[in-house]
Amino acid sequence: MTERRAPVQMTINPPRGAGTVSWAEHLLAWEAYEKEYPGQSAERIAERGGFCYNELCLFLGRPPTTWVLR
């Protein structure tokens, strides 16, 4: 069975291609995001292309450990 993954948008500064992270890590970032910006579900963020890499770092408080390049 394949693990559920969430999309990660590319970033320009620093340059990083689009990728994915585990759904569990996406949810951790979303929990921090939701505290500051309520009203958008984790599913909706994923539908809209996911967080960018820099947002993940911000909301996780560290670089994502499950990020892989698409």
C-alpha atoms as a PDB file:
ATOM      1  CA  MET A   1       0.000   0.000   0.000  1.00  0.00           C
ATOM      2  CA  THR A   2       1.318   3.434  -0.938  1.00  0.00           C
ATOM      3  CA  GLU A   3       1.631   6.093   1.746  1.00  0.00           C
ATOM      4  CA  ARG A   4      -0.592   9.143   1.267  1.00  0.00           C
ATOM      5  CA  ARG A   5       1.451  12.198   0.280  1.00  0.00           C
ATOM      6  CA  ALA A   6       0.745  15.906   0.001  1.00  0.00           C
ATOM      7  CA  PRO A   7       2.074  18.198  -2.727  1.00  0.00           C
ATOM      8  CA  VAL A   8       4.739  20.815  -2.004  1.00  0.00           C
ATOM      9  CA  GLN A   9       5.005  23.846  -4.259  1.00  0.00           C
ATOM     10  CA  MET A  10       8.316  24.918  -5.730  1.00  0.00           C
ATOM     11  CA  THR A  11      10.198  27.860  -4.231  1.00  0.00           C
ATOM     12  CA  ILE A  12      12.239  30.531  -5.941  1.00  0.00           C
ATOM     13  CA  ASN A  13      14.453  31.646  -3.060  1.00  0.00           C
ATOM     14  CA  PRO A  14      16.187  29.366  -2.470  1.00  0.00           C
ATOM     15  CA  PRO A  15      15.372  27.500  -5.675  1.00  0.00           C
ATOM     16  CA  ARG A  16      13.725  24.158  -4.922  1.00  0.00           C
ATOM     17  CA  GLY A  17      11.576  22.116  -7.251  1.00  0.00           C
ATOM     18  CA  ALA A  18       8.075  20.923  -6.479  1.00  0.00           C
ATOM     19  CA  GLY A  19       7.861  17.809  -4.368  1.00  0.00           C
ATOM     20  CA  THR A  20       5.770  15.909  -1.872  1.00  0.00           C
ATOM     21  CA  VAL A  21       5.777  15.190   1.858  1.00  0.00           C
ATOM     22  CA  SER A  22       4.069  12.507   3.872  1.00  0.00           C
ATOM     23  CA  TRP A  23       0.485  13.288   4.758  1.00  0.00           C
ATOM     24  CA  ALA A  24       1.432  13.059   8.440  1.00  0.00           C
ATOM     25  CA  GLU A  25       4.054  15.791   8.039  1.00  0.00           C
ATOM     26  CA  HIS A  26       1.607  17.902   5.997  1.00  0.00           C
ATOM     27  CA  LEU A  27      -0.861  17.617   8.895  1.00  0.00           C
ATOM     28  CA  LEU A  28       1.770  18.741  11.411  1.00  0.00           C
ATOM     29  CA  ALA A  29       2.426  21.859   9.337  1.00  0.00           C
ATOM     30  CA  TRP A  30      -1.300  22.415   8.858  1.00  0.00           C
ATOM     31  CA  GLU A  31      -1.931  22.278  12.627  1.00  0.00           C
ATOM     32  CA  ALA A  32       0.475  25.209  13.134  1.00  0.00           C
ATOM     33  CA  TYR A  33      -0.973  27.006  10.094  1.00  0.00           C
ATOM     34  CA  GLU A  34      -4.554  26.565  11.345  1.00  0.00           C
ATOM     35  CA  LYS A  35      -3.720  28.318  14.636  1.00  0.00           C
ATOM     36  CA  GLU A  36      -2.749  31.487  12.766  1.00  0.00           C
ATOM     37  CA  TYR A  37      -4.986  31.218   9.708  1.00  0.00           C
ATOM     38  CA  PRO A  38      -8.149  29.298  10.615  1.00  0.00           C
ATOM     39  CA  GLY A  39     -10.731  28.199   8.117  1.00  0.00           C
ATOM     40  CA  GLN A  40      -8.908  26.158   5.482  1.00  0.00           C
ATOM     41  CA  SER A  41      -8.675  22.388   5.875  1.00  0.00           C
ATOM     42  CA  ALA A  42      -5.518  20.369   5.299  1.00  0.00           C
ATOM     43  CA  GLU A  43      -7.311  18.699   2.394  1.00  0.00           C
ATOM     44  CA  ARG A  44      -8.112  22.046   0.776  1.00  0.00           C
ATOM     45  CA  ILE A  45      -4.511  23.243   1.057  1.00  0.00           C
ATOM     46  CA  ALA A  46      -3.388  20.030  -0.650  1.00  0.00           C
ATOM     47  CA  GLU A  47      -6.017  20.501  -3.380  1.00  0.00           C
ATOM     48  CA  ARG A  48      -4.643  23.980  -4.039  1.00  0.00           C
ATOM     49  CA  GLY A  49      -1.072  22.701  -4.478  1.00  0.00           C
ATOM     50  CA  GLY A  50       0.081  22.361  -0.886  1.00  0.00           C
ATOM     51  CA  PHE A  51       2.444  24.488   1.142  1.00  0.00           C
ATOM     52  CA  CYS A  52       5.673  25.681  -0.415  1.00  0.00           C
ATOM     53  CA  TYR A  53       8.897  24.302   1.047  1.00  0.00           C
ATOM     54  CA  ASN A  54       9.601  27.528   2.962  1.00  0.00           C
ATOM     55  CA  GLU A  55       6.117  27.498   4.508  1.00  0.00           C
ATOM     56  CA  LEU A  56       6.663  23.922   5.636  1.00  0.00           C
ATOM     57  CA  CYS A  57       9.913  24.939   7.332  1.00  0.00           C
ATOM     58  CA  LEU A  58       8.136  27.852   9.013  1.00  0.00           C
ATOM     59  CA  PHE A  59       5.124  25.895  10.249  1.00  0.00           C
ATOM     60  CA  LEU A  60       7.092  22.794  11.241  1.00  0.00           C
ATOM     61  CA  GLY A  61       9.886  24.799  12.872  1.00  0.00           C
ATOM     62  CA  ARG A  62      12.392  22.691  10.913  1.00  0.00           C
ATOM     63  CA  PRO A  63      12.983  21.383   7.402  1.00  0.00           C
ATOM     64  CA  PRO A  64      10.528  18.646   6.413  1.00  0.00           C
ATOM     65  CA  THR A  65      12.030  15.189   6.858  1.00  0.00           C
ATOM     66  CA  THR A  66       9.822  13.405   4.307  1.00  0.00           C
ATOM     67  CA  TRP A  67      10.198  15.855   1.385  1.00  0.00           C
ATOM     68  CA  VAL A  68      11.062  14.300  -1.968  1.00  0.00           C
ATOM     69  CA  LEU A  69      11.403  15.954  -5.346  1.00  0.00           C
ATOM     70  CA  ARG A  70       8.617  15.130  -7.790  1.00  0.00           C
END
